[in-house]
Amino acid sequence: MSALISVIPILLLIVLMMGFKVSGYRSAITTLIVTIFLSLFAVPAMSIIPEKYADTSILGITLWSIVEGLLKACFPIILIIICAIFSYNILCETKEVETIKAQFIQMTSDKGLLVLLLTWGLGGVLEGMAGFGTAVAIPAAILIGLGFKPMFSAVICLVANTVAVGFGAVGLPATTLANQVAASGVATPEELCEVATFIILQLSLMFFITPFLILMMTDKTKILKNICIALFVGTCSIIVQFCCAHWIGPETPAILGSVAAIFAMLIYNKLFIHDENPADEVIVEKKKLGIAKTLKAWSVYGLIIFFILISSKIVPPVNDLLSNTLVTKFDIPVIGNTFKFGWLSNAGLMIFLGAVIGGMIQGMSLSSLMNLLAKTILNLQKTIVTICCLVAIAMLMNNTGMTNDIAKGLVLLTGATFPFFAPLIGSIGTFVTGSATNANILFGKLQATAASDLGLVNQGTFFGVTGNETNWLAAANCAGSEGGKLLSPQSIAIATAACNMEGQDGNIMRKTMPFAIFWILMNGLIVFLGLHVI
């Protein structure tokens, strides 16, 4: 009974968003109010408060949990999202996004490879840099401009925008997950790398299957060629992403892995695609773009990558200096958890610096950049409210014992098979909230608690990589969340808007459903095998 009561906030969020189609921020506000009510009146009656808070006022726990949630939401989650969307808006304002589009259009004459470049390559870069639907909206708009059908463009962009989601917006979902499951509440660099590496391992098969599906959806007549491209591109991508996750952290796998995939596709095109004409529906207008024009168009994203790399562990002196300078750290009263934020070492600052300097290179003045930043913040106000409420809900459920109680209920229900269902939980979170980050906020701690209840707290070897069993199970939440992205109403709404398909949400969802089910089943199998077999 206590588990059923504890799960009310999650079920309420699902019912409001799916059943009654209430907007995300209104659903989040309503759910936060209900969660506060439950923590004040139901939790004391259920006797599920963690032992360390046994002699603490429930009112104090509730209030300071909300404060903790608001702090963690703003620093760094909302900061990163604002700066990421700001960087993309600069490209739109300067029209340099059109140059980037033109470059991809002219890279190959093969229809399948062109679609893969736009959806898996450019889409992965956009997801890694900005996230928040840009990886669906931009490639879909380009495909339609090239003559592809709107339904095809919408579905294939949704299918492509999966593997990169866990490391979108400069690794925000994976970083958030690692912080959620870390014992101290703030993951160490080693813990960040371990969780990121496990996510890559759990997605490993999809690095080959997803490009193959994209190619087959584009051209079913060239199966052997599609297999060869998928194997070649997938291998290059997963090697780079694994190295980035294992040695740098969650900030760069999607970005650098997608760039590697683009280069792999260009190499394949140069070696094996000869004098093939694109299909009749693809219209390519050739424009000569010089090096200066190319560098200018890519200055924003290029500088962001540069700043992120030099501030990461790959350059220890810089990383140590930034990590130990201007750091805010304090223990939150009553609940005792530690809040820590480095003002110079966070990814949000690196994105902001790259965006501003790149924007000035592209011709914008500092004042116009600040005006654009203000507009970006204004346009994201509902998103900011949603994230603040969701993080507050997560902290409140964690600190009052509700998350722990739900985990115990799930473990009792599924037993030793729980790891197989772990990715499904992440998928549900992403489906409901539209964000892998929010899914990790809601369920990351739950996965770690379930691992503890199952006794999965030891060191183990997973596909040749040594790490903690708890982190392996927690990583399943992020890996599985990408299956939910295929069905998320928010993602589909972005696709319908980009493809001018208002009212076709249900049709798109029906077409992406088989891919989502396959994704979740594959993730569940890999997570289970990693723990019990391999």
Protein backbone atom coordinates (compact mmCIF):
# COMPACT_ATOMS: atom_id res chain seq x y z
CA MET A 1 0.00 0.00 0.00
CA SER A 2 2.80 2.43 0.82
CA ALA A 3 4.38 1.76 -2.60
CA LEU A 4 1.06 2.45 -4.31
CA ILE A 5 0.69 5.74 -2.48
CA SER A 6 4.29 6.68 -3.21
CA VAL A 7 3.80 6.17 -6.95
CA ILE A 8 0.89 8.66 -7.08
CA PRO A 9 3.07 11.61 -8.26
CA ILE A 10 4.41 9.59 -11.21
CA LEU A 11 0.98 8.25 -12.17
CA LEU A 12 -0.54 11.71 -11.82
CA LEU A 13 2.06 13.18 -14.18
CA ILE A 14 1.32 10.44 -16.73
CA VAL A 15 -2.46 10.86 -16.48
CA LEU A 16 -2.35 14.65 -16.73
CA MET A 17 -0.06 14.71 -19.76
CA MET A 18 -1.38 11.66 -21.62
CA GLY A 19 -4.97 11.28 -20.50
CA PHE A 20 -6.03 14.89 -20.14
CA LYS A 21 -3.39 16.39 -22.48
CA VAL A 22 -2.45 19.04 -19.90
CA SER A 23 0.63 21.07 -20.83
CA GLY A 24 3.96 20.01 -19.38
CA TYR A 25 4.47 22.95 -17.03
CA ARG A 26 0.90 22.83 -15.67
CA SER A 27 1.21 19.08 -15.11
CA ALA A 28 4.52 19.57 -13.32
CA ILE A 29 3.13 22.33 -11.06
CA THR A 30 0.06 20.26 -10.18
CA THR A 31 2.14 17.17 -9.47
CA LEU A 32 4.53 19.14 -7.25
CA ILE A 33 1.61 20.43 -5.18
CA VAL A 34 0.24 16.90 -4.77
CA THR A 35 3.71 15.58 -3.87
CA ILE A 36 4.07 18.27 -1.19
CA PHE A 37 0.68 17.26 0.21
CA LEU A 38 1.68 13.58 0.26
CA SER A 39 5.02 14.32 1.95
CA LEU A 40 3.36 16.38 4.69
CA PHE A 41 0.44 14.07 5.47
CA ALA A 42 0.80 10.62 3.87
CA VAL A 43 4.52 9.98 4.34
CA PRO A 44 4.47 10.25 8.18
CA ALA A 45 1.57 7.78 8.26
CA MET A 46 3.42 5.31 6.00
CA SER A 47 6.59 5.36 8.15
CA ILE A 48 8.91 5.30 5.13
CA ILE A 49 11.07 8.31 6.04
CA PRO A 50 14.78 7.40 5.81
CA GLU A 51 16.37 6.57 9.15
CA LYS A 52 18.72 9.57 9.06
CA TYR A 53 15.66 11.89 9.06
CA ALA A 54 13.79 9.97 11.77
CA ASP A 55 13.99 12.84 14.29
CA THR A 56 13.58 15.64 11.72
CA SER A 57 10.47 17.71 11.11
CA ILE A 58 8.64 16.57 7.97
CA LEU A 59 7.89 20.23 7.20
CA GLY A 60 11.62 21.01 7.24
CA ILE A 61 12.41 18.03 5.02
CA THR A 62 9.73 19.11 2.55
CA LEU A 63 10.74 22.76 2.35
CA TRP A 64 14.48 22.16 2.06
CA SER A 65 13.98 19.35 -0.47
CA ILE A 66 12.19 21.85 -2.69
CA VAL A 67 15.05 24.33 -2.23
CA GLU A 68 17.54 21.60 -3.13
CA GLY A 69 15.52 20.76 -6.24
CA LEU A 70 15.36 24.38 -7.38
CA LEU A 71 19.12 24.81 -6.93
CA LYS A 72 19.95 21.65 -8.85
CA ALA A 73 17.48 22.56 -11.57
CA CYS A 74 19.03 25.98 -12.15
CA PHE A 75 22.67 24.93 -11.76
CA PRO A 76 23.51 23.44 -14.14
CA ILE A 77 20.48 21.93 -15.93
CA ILE A 78 18.58 25.09 -16.90
CA LEU A 79 21.83 27.00 -17.47
CA ILE A 80 22.97 24.41 -20.02
CA ILE A 81 19.60 24.28 -21.79
CA ILE A 82 19.42 28.08 -22.11
CA CYS A 83 22.95 28.34 -23.48
CA ALA A 84 22.45 25.38 -25.84
CA ILE A 85 19.28 26.82 -27.38
CA PHE A 86 20.94 30.25 -27.45
CA SER A 87 23.79 28.83 -29.57
CA TYR A 88 21.33 27.42 -32.10
CA ASN A 89 19.33 30.65 -32.20
CA ILE A 90 22.51 32.54 -33.09
CA LEU A 91 22.92 30.38 -36.20
CA CYS A 92 19.32 31.07 -37.19
CA GLU A 93 19.72 34.82 -36.57
CA THR A 94 22.91 35.07 -38.66
CA LYS A 95 21.49 32.73 -41.36
CA GLU A 96 24.66 30.63 -41.13
CA VAL A 97 22.46 27.59 -40.49
CA GLU A 98 21.65 27.77 -44.23
CA THR A 99 25.36 27.35 -45.03
CA ILE A 100 25.52 24.28 -42.83
CA LYS A 101 22.46 22.88 -44.60
CA ALA A 102 23.94 23.53 -48.03
CA GLN A 103 27.16 21.74 -47.12
CA PHE A 104 25.36 18.56 -46.17
CA ILE A 105 23.22 18.63 -49.30
CA GLN A 106 26.29 18.72 -51.54
CA MET A 107 28.26 15.99 -49.77
CA THR A 108 26.89 12.99 -51.69
CA SER A 109 24.79 12.00 -54.69
CA ASP A 110 23.52 8.80 -53.02
CA LYS A 111 20.04 9.18 -51.56
CA GLY A 112 20.53 6.79 -48.65
CA LEU A 113 23.84 8.29 -47.64
CA LEU A 114 22.40 11.81 -47.91
CA VAL A 115 19.53 10.95 -45.54
CA LEU A 116 21.98 9.26 -43.13
CA LEU A 117 24.23 12.33 -43.20
CA LEU A 118 21.34 14.62 -42.34
CA THR A 119 19.57 12.50 -39.72
CA TRP A 120 22.34 10.46 -38.06
CA GLY A 121 25.24 12.86 -38.72
CA LEU A 122 23.90 16.41 -38.52
CA GLY A 123 21.09 15.28 -36.22
CA GLY A 124 23.60 13.74 -33.82
CA VAL A 125 25.71 16.91 -33.76
CA LEU A 126 22.63 19.04 -33.09
CA GLU A 127 21.47 16.69 -30.35
CA GLY A 128 24.90 16.67 -28.76
CA MET A 129 25.18 20.46 -28.90
CA ALA A 130 21.67 21.71 -28.26
CA GLY A 131 19.18 18.87 -27.90
CA PHE A 132 15.66 20.02 -27.18
CA GLY A 133 14.17 18.95 -30.54
CA THR A 134 16.71 20.65 -32.82
CA ALA A 135 17.91 17.23 -34.03
CA VAL A 136 14.40 16.49 -35.32
CA ALA A 137 13.30 19.91 -36.53
CA ILE A 138 16.33 20.90 -38.62
CA PRO A 139 17.04 17.64 -40.52
CA ALA A 140 13.30 17.14 -41.14
CA ALA A 141 12.98 20.63 -42.60
CA ILE A 142 15.99 20.04 -44.87
CA LEU A 143 14.62 16.68 -46.07
CA ILE A 144 11.30 18.25 -47.00
CA GLY A 145 13.16 21.05 -48.77
CA LEU A 146 14.92 18.36 -50.80
CA GLY A 147 11.62 16.85 -51.88
CA PHE A 148 11.13 13.99 -49.42
CA LYS A 149 7.60 13.34 -48.15
CA PRO A 150 6.66 14.96 -44.81
CA MET A 151 5.67 11.67 -43.11
CA PHE A 152 8.93 10.02 -44.17
CA SER A 153 10.93 13.02 -42.97
CA ALA A 154 9.20 13.14 -39.59
CA VAL A 155 9.46 9.42 -38.83
CA ILE A 156 13.03 8.93 -39.99
CA CYS A 157 14.28 11.92 -37.97
CA LEU A 158 12.59 10.55 -34.86
CA VAL A 159 14.16 7.12 -35.45
CA ALA A 160 17.59 8.70 -35.96
CA ASN A 161 17.33 10.85 -32.84
CA THR A 162 17.80 8.02 -30.35
CA VAL A 163 21.40 6.95 -29.66
CA ALA A 164 22.59 10.53 -29.17
CA VAL A 165 19.80 11.50 -26.76
CA GLY A 166 21.54 10.24 -23.63
CA PHE A 167 24.42 12.64 -24.33
CA GLY A 168 22.34 15.51 -25.69
CA ALA A 169 22.88 19.14 -24.70
CA VAL A 170 26.55 18.49 -23.89
CA GLY A 171 25.90 15.30 -21.91
CA LEU A 172 23.23 16.76 -19.65
CA PRO A 173 21.06 13.59 -19.32
CA ALA A 174 24.03 11.34 -18.47
CA THR A 175 25.53 13.93 -16.10
CA THR A 176 22.19 14.35 -14.34
CA LEU A 177 21.84 10.59 -13.97
CA ALA A 178 25.34 10.22 -12.51
CA ASN A 179 24.61 12.97 -9.97
CA GLN A 180 21.32 11.32 -9.04
CA VAL A 181 22.90 7.97 -8.21
CA ALA A 182 26.14 9.26 -6.65
CA ALA A 183 26.31 8.65 -2.91
CA SER A 184 27.31 12.27 -2.27
CA GLY A 185 24.72 13.73 -4.64
CA VAL A 186 27.50 15.06 -6.89
CA ALA A 187 29.25 12.55 -9.13
CA THR A 188 33.03 12.47 -9.25
CA PRO A 189 34.76 12.63 -12.66
CA GLU A 190 35.41 8.88 -12.40
CA GLU A 191 31.73 8.17 -11.69
CA LEU A 192 30.69 10.37 -14.62
CA CYS A 193 32.98 8.44 -16.96
CA GLU A 194 31.80 5.08 -15.65
CA VAL A 195 28.09 5.86 -16.11
CA ALA A 196 28.75 7.33 -19.57
CA THR A 197 30.75 4.26 -20.60
CA PHE A 198 28.00 1.91 -19.44
CA ILE A 199 25.41 3.83 -21.44
CA ILE A 200 27.53 3.41 -24.58
CA LEU A 201 27.92 -0.32 -23.93
CA GLN A 202 24.18 -0.76 -23.47
CA LEU A 203 23.52 1.08 -26.74
CA SER A 204 26.25 -0.77 -28.65
CA LEU A 205 24.02 -2.82 -30.97
CA MET A 206 21.91 0.21 -31.84
CA PHE A 207 24.97 1.96 -33.28
CA PHE A 208 24.73 -0.55 -36.13
CA ILE A 209 21.00 -1.30 -36.22
CA THR A 210 19.78 2.30 -36.29
CA PRO A 211 21.86 3.43 -39.32
CA PHE A 212 20.79 0.23 -41.10
CA LEU A 213 17.12 0.98 -40.41
CA ILE A 214 17.54 4.54 -41.68
CA LEU A 215 19.15 3.31 -44.89
CA MET A 216 16.50 0.62 -45.41
CA MET A 217 13.68 3.10 -44.84
CA THR A 218 15.27 5.28 -47.52
CA ASP A 219 16.13 2.58 -50.08
CA LYS A 220 15.11 -1.06 -49.59
CA THR A 221 16.68 -2.26 -52.86
CA LYS A 222 20.32 -2.09 -51.76
CA ILE A 223 20.46 -4.35 -48.72
CA LEU A 224 24.14 -5.34 -49.03
CA LYS A 225 25.24 -1.74 -49.53
CA ASN A 226 23.14 -0.66 -46.54
CA ILE A 227 24.70 -3.34 -44.35
CA CYS A 228 28.22 -2.27 -45.36
CA ILE A 229 27.53 1.42 -44.68
CA ALA A 230 25.88 0.68 -41.32
CA LEU A 231 28.78 -1.50 -40.19
CA PHE A 232 31.42 1.00 -41.29
CA VAL A 233 29.69 4.10 -39.90
CA GLY A 234 28.55 2.34 -36.73
CA THR A 235 32.05 1.07 -35.97
CA CYS A 236 33.64 4.50 -36.38
CA SER A 237 30.93 6.14 -34.28
CA ILE A 238 30.97 3.68 -31.39
CA ILE A 239 34.78 3.66 -31.12
CA VAL A 240 34.88 7.46 -30.81
CA GLN A 241 31.92 7.61 -28.44
CA PHE A 242 33.34 4.88 -26.20
CA CYS A 243 36.72 6.65 -26.00
CA CYS A 244 35.05 9.99 -25.22
CA ALA A 245 32.83 8.48 -22.53
CA HIS A 246 35.59 6.40 -20.95
CA TRP A 247 38.34 9.01 -20.82
CA ILE A 248 36.65 12.42 -21.08
CA GLY A 249 33.12 12.08 -19.71
CA PRO A 250 29.53 12.48 -20.89
CA GLU A 251 29.92 15.94 -22.47
CA THR A 252 31.36 14.96 -25.87
CA PRO A 253 30.36 11.41 -26.99
CA ALA A 254 27.36 12.47 -29.08
CA ILE A 255 29.15 15.48 -30.57
CA LEU A 256 32.46 13.89 -31.51
CA GLY A 257 30.87 10.53 -32.28
CA SER A 258 28.50 12.17 -34.78
CA VAL A 259 31.37 14.13 -36.33
CA ALA A 260 33.26 10.83 -36.69
CA ALA A 261 30.19 9.29 -38.33
CA ILE A 262 30.04 12.17 -40.81
CA PHE A 263 33.69 11.68 -41.74
CA ALA A 264 33.11 7.93 -42.07
CA MET A 265 30.22 8.56 -44.44
CA LEU A 266 32.29 10.98 -46.51
CA ILE A 267 35.13 8.44 -46.73
CA TYR A 268 32.70 5.73 -47.81
CA ASN A 269 31.17 8.09 -50.36
CA LYS A 270 34.60 8.93 -51.77
CA LEU A 271 35.70 5.30 -52.00
CA PHE A 272 32.57 3.46 -53.06
CA ILE A 273 29.91 5.87 -54.41
CA HIS A 274 30.72 6.73 -58.02
CA ASP A 275 28.60 8.83 -60.38
CA GLU A 276 25.30 7.84 -58.81
CA ASN A 277 22.46 10.25 -59.36
CA PRO A 278 20.12 11.09 -56.50
CA ALA A 279 16.48 10.09 -56.79
CA ASP A 280 14.18 12.35 -58.79
CA GLU A 281 12.58 13.80 -55.69
CA VAL A 282 15.90 15.13 -54.35
CA ILE A 283 16.75 18.56 -55.70
CA VAL A 284 20.27 19.81 -55.04
CA GLU A 285 21.34 23.32 -55.91
CA LYS A 286 25.12 23.43 -56.14
CA LYS A 287 26.78 26.37 -54.45
CA LYS A 288 30.49 26.84 -54.07
CA LEU A 289 31.42 27.40 -50.44
CA GLY A 290 34.93 28.53 -49.59
CA ILE A 291 36.96 27.66 -46.52
CA ALA A 292 36.35 31.08 -44.96
CA LYS A 293 32.59 30.74 -45.34
CA THR A 294 32.67 27.22 -43.91
CA LEU A 295 34.75 28.23 -40.88
CA LYS A 296 32.47 31.18 -40.24
CA ALA A 297 29.34 28.99 -40.36
CA TRP A 298 30.84 26.44 -37.97
CA SER A 299 32.49 28.97 -35.63
CA VAL A 300 29.78 28.68 -32.94
CA TYR A 301 29.80 24.90 -32.68
CA GLY A 302 33.55 24.68 -33.32
CA LEU A 303 34.35 27.02 -30.44
CA ILE A 304 31.90 25.23 -28.14
CA ILE A 305 33.67 21.93 -28.82
CA PHE A 306 37.03 23.62 -28.28
CA PHE A 307 36.09 25.15 -24.91
CA ILE A 308 34.48 21.93 -23.70
CA LEU A 309 37.53 19.89 -24.62
CA ILE A 310 40.13 22.18 -23.03
CA SER A 311 38.09 22.41 -19.82
CA SER A 312 37.65 18.63 -19.58
CA LYS A 313 39.96 16.01 -18.07
CA ILE A 314 41.79 15.78 -21.38
CA VAL A 315 43.72 18.92 -20.32
CA PRO A 316 44.35 18.28 -16.60
CA PRO A 317 45.99 21.64 -15.68
CA VAL A 318 43.08 23.66 -17.09
CA ASN A 319 40.52 21.27 -15.66
CA ASP A 320 42.11 21.41 -12.18
CA LEU A 321 42.31 25.21 -12.24
CA LEU A 322 38.69 25.70 -13.31
CA SER A 323 37.35 22.98 -11.02
CA ASN A 324 38.91 24.56 -7.95
CA THR A 325 38.19 28.22 -8.72
CA LEU A 326 34.95 30.03 -7.85
CA VAL A 327 33.21 26.92 -6.54
CA THR A 328 30.02 27.29 -4.50
CA LYS A 329 29.60 24.47 -1.99
CA PHE A 330 27.41 24.21 1.08
CA ASP A 331 25.36 21.72 3.06
CA ILE A 332 21.62 22.20 2.72
CA PRO A 333 20.03 22.68 6.17
CA VAL A 334 17.87 19.95 7.73
CA ILE A 335 18.40 17.31 5.00
CA GLY A 336 22.20 17.68 5.03
CA ASN A 337 22.81 17.01 1.32
CA THR A 338 25.64 18.95 -0.31
CA PHE A 339 25.11 21.40 -3.15
CA LYS A 340 28.19 22.11 -5.26
CA PHE A 341 28.54 24.21 -8.39
CA GLY A 342 31.66 25.35 -10.20
CA TRP A 343 31.04 28.70 -11.89
CA LEU A 344 34.04 28.34 -14.21
CA SER A 345 34.06 24.57 -14.80
CA ASN A 346 30.46 23.94 -15.88
CA ALA A 347 29.48 23.10 -19.46
CA GLY A 348 26.96 25.96 -19.56
CA LEU A 349 29.75 28.55 -19.40
CA MET A 350 31.67 26.78 -22.18
CA ILE A 351 28.60 26.79 -24.42
CA PHE A 352 27.96 30.45 -23.63
CA LEU A 353 31.55 31.49 -24.43
CA GLY A 354 31.56 29.54 -27.70
CA ALA A 355 28.18 30.93 -28.68
CA VAL A 356 29.04 34.57 -27.94
CA ILE A 357 32.48 34.54 -29.60
CA GLY A 358 31.12 32.55 -32.54
CA GLY A 359 28.17 34.91 -32.86
CA MET A 360 30.50 37.91 -33.01
CA ILE A 361 32.57 36.16 -35.70
CA GLN A 362 29.34 35.70 -37.64
CA GLY A 363 28.63 39.44 -37.46
CA MET A 364 26.44 39.97 -34.40
CA SER A 365 27.20 42.70 -31.90
CA LEU A 366 27.44 42.01 -28.19
CA SER A 367 24.24 43.96 -27.52
CA SER A 368 22.29 42.02 -30.16
CA LEU A 369 23.62 38.76 -28.70
CA MET A 370 22.40 39.74 -25.24
CA ASN A 371 19.01 40.69 -26.66
CA LEU A 372 18.82 37.29 -28.34
CA LEU A 373 19.78 35.63 -25.05
CA ALA A 374 16.96 37.48 -23.29
CA LYS A 375 14.50 36.33 -25.97
CA THR A 376 15.75 32.77 -25.61
CA ILE A 377 15.20 32.83 -21.84
CA LEU A 378 11.74 34.33 -22.33
CA ASN A 379 10.76 31.65 -24.83
CA LEU A 380 11.96 28.93 -22.45
CA GLN A 381 10.08 30.19 -19.39
CA LYS A 382 7.57 27.31 -19.41
CA THR A 383 10.38 24.81 -19.81
CA ILE A 384 12.21 26.42 -16.89
CA VAL A 385 9.11 26.08 -14.70
CA THR A 386 8.66 22.45 -15.78
CA ILE A 387 12.24 21.46 -14.98
CA CYS A 388 12.24 23.28 -11.63
CA CYS A 389 9.08 21.43 -10.59
CA LEU A 390 10.30 18.04 -11.83
CA VAL A 391 13.63 18.30 -10.02
CA ALA A 392 11.85 19.47 -6.87
CA ILE A 393 9.50 16.46 -7.15
CA ALA A 394 12.46 14.12 -7.56
CA MET A 395 14.31 15.55 -4.54
CA LEU A 396 11.15 15.49 -2.43
CA MET A 397 10.39 11.87 -3.34
CA ASN A 398 14.00 10.85 -2.68
CA ASN A 399 14.38 12.59 0.67
CA THR A 400 11.01 11.46 2.07
CA GLY A 401 11.57 7.83 1.11
CA MET A 402 8.90 7.60 -1.59
CA THR A 403 11.39 6.69 -4.34
CA ASN A 404 12.94 4.05 -2.11
CA ASP A 405 9.50 2.58 -1.39
CA ILE A 406 8.59 2.41 -5.10
CA ALA A 407 11.87 0.64 -5.84
CA LYS A 408 11.16 -1.95 -3.16
CA GLY A 409 7.71 -2.54 -4.67
CA LEU A 410 9.15 -3.01 -8.16
CA VAL A 411 11.84 -5.38 -6.93
CA LEU A 412 9.23 -7.48 -5.11
CA LEU A 413 7.07 -7.54 -8.25
CA THR A 414 9.78 -8.42 -10.79
CA GLY A 415 12.42 -10.08 -8.63
CA ALA A 416 15.63 -11.10 -10.36
CA THR A 417 14.19 -10.06 -13.73
CA PHE A 418 14.13 -6.37 -12.74
CA PRO A 419 17.24 -5.48 -14.83
CA PHE A 420 15.32 -6.53 -17.96
CA PHE A 421 12.61 -3.99 -17.13
CA ALA A 422 14.97 -1.19 -16.07
CA PRO A 423 15.16 0.40 -19.58
CA LEU A 424 11.35 0.38 -19.75
CA ILE A 425 11.23 2.62 -16.69
CA GLY A 426 13.52 5.14 -18.42
CA SER A 427 11.35 4.96 -21.54
CA ILE A 428 8.23 5.73 -19.55
CA GLY A 429 9.95 8.74 -17.98
CA THR A 430 10.99 10.14 -21.37
CA PHE A 431 7.61 9.40 -22.90
CA VAL A 432 5.88 11.36 -20.15
CA THR A 433 8.29 14.30 -19.82
CA GLY A 434 9.73 14.46 -23.36
CA SER A 435 13.25 14.62 -21.96
CA ALA A 436 15.88 12.02 -21.10
CA THR A 437 17.19 14.48 -18.51
CA ASN A 438 13.82 14.65 -16.79
CA ALA A 439 13.46 10.86 -16.97
CA ASN A 440 16.79 10.50 -15.19
CA ILE A 441 15.72 13.04 -12.61
CA LEU A 442 12.52 11.13 -11.91
CA PHE A 443 13.83 7.57 -11.99
CA GLY A 444 17.63 7.64 -11.69
CA LYS A 445 17.60 7.29 -7.91
CA LEU A 446 14.89 4.65 -8.16
CA GLN A 447 17.15 2.47 -10.33
CA ALA A 448 20.03 2.82 -7.88
CA THR A 449 17.77 1.95 -4.94
CA ALA A 450 16.43 -1.09 -6.78
CA ALA A 451 20.01 -2.20 -7.44
CA SER A 452 20.74 -1.95 -3.71
CA ASP A 453 17.63 -3.98 -2.83
CA LEU A 454 18.70 -6.65 -5.32
CA GLY A 455 22.20 -6.75 -3.85
CA LEU A 456 23.78 -5.28 -6.99
CA VAL A 457 26.36 -3.14 -5.21
CA ASN A 458 29.61 -4.89 -6.09
CA GLN A 459 32.23 -4.40 -8.75
CA GLY A 460 31.70 -6.39 -11.92
CA THR A 461 32.86 -6.74 -15.50
CA PHE A 462 30.43 -5.75 -18.24
CA PHE A 463 31.41 -6.63 -21.79
CA GLY A 464 35.04 -6.32 -20.76
CA VAL A 465 34.68 -3.08 -18.77
CA THR A 466 34.98 -3.11 -14.99
CA GLY A 467 32.60 -1.01 -12.93
CA ASN A 468 29.94 -0.87 -10.23
CA GLU A 469 26.77 -2.95 -10.67
CA THR A 470 24.62 -0.09 -9.38
CA ASN A 471 25.91 2.25 -12.07
CA TRP A 472 25.28 -0.42 -14.71
CA LEU A 473 21.62 -0.68 -13.71
CA ALA A 474 21.25 3.09 -13.38
CA ALA A 475 22.72 3.55 -16.87
CA ALA A 476 19.83 1.42 -18.18
CA ASN A 477 17.50 4.28 -17.30
CA CYS A 478 19.33 6.60 -19.70
CA ALA A 479 19.79 3.98 -22.42
CA GLY A 480 16.12 3.04 -22.24
CA SER A 481 14.96 6.65 -22.19
CA GLU A 482 15.87 6.91 -25.86
CA GLY A 483 13.17 4.39 -26.76
CA GLY A 484 10.62 6.60 -25.05
CA LYS A 485 11.87 9.54 -27.11
CA LEU A 486 10.40 7.87 -30.22
CA LEU A 487 6.90 8.03 -28.71
CA SER A 488 7.13 11.19 -26.64
CA PRO A 489 4.27 13.60 -27.46
CA GLN A 490 6.71 16.51 -27.20
CA SER A 491 9.11 14.99 -29.75
CA ILE A 492 6.29 14.13 -32.11
CA ALA A 493 4.88 17.65 -31.74
CA ILE A 494 8.25 19.05 -32.84
CA ALA A 495 8.25 16.72 -35.85
CA THR A 496 4.71 17.68 -36.88
CA ALA A 497 5.57 21.38 -36.57
CA ALA A 498 8.77 21.04 -38.62
CA CYS A 499 6.99 19.03 -41.32
CA ASN A 500 3.77 21.08 -41.30
CA MET A 501 1.70 18.03 -40.38
CA GLU A 502 -0.68 19.42 -37.79
CA GLY A 503 -3.10 16.77 -36.54
CA GLN A 504 -0.93 13.85 -37.71
CA ASP A 505 0.57 13.11 -34.29
CA GLY A 506 -1.32 9.83 -33.92
CA ASN A 507 -0.21 8.58 -37.34
CA ILE A 508 3.43 9.37 -36.60
CA MET A 509 3.21 7.64 -33.21
CA ARG A 510 1.79 4.49 -34.83
CA LYS A 511 4.72 4.40 -37.26
CA THR A 512 7.36 4.91 -34.56
CA MET A 513 5.76 2.44 -32.12
CA PRO A 514 7.42 -0.71 -33.58
CA PHE A 515 10.84 0.94 -33.45
CA ALA A 516 10.28 1.99 -29.82
CA ILE A 517 9.19 -1.51 -28.74
CA PHE A 518 12.17 -3.08 -30.49
CA TRP A 519 14.52 -0.53 -28.87
CA ILE A 520 13.23 -1.17 -25.35
CA LEU A 521 13.36 -4.96 -25.73
CA MET A 522 16.91 -4.85 -27.08
CA ASN A 523 18.06 -2.58 -24.23
CA GLY A 524 16.41 -4.81 -21.64
CA LEU A 525 18.12 -7.89 -23.03
CA ILE A 526 21.57 -6.25 -23.09
CA VAL A 527 21.22 -4.90 -19.53
CA PHE A 528 20.12 -8.32 -18.25
CA LEU A 529 22.86 -10.21 -20.10
CA GLY A 530 25.49 -7.73 -18.93
CA LEU A 531 24.62 -8.48 -15.31
CA HIS A 532 23.98 -12.21 -15.43
CA VAL A 533 25.76 -13.70 -18.43
CA ILE A 534 28.57 -11.67 -19.99
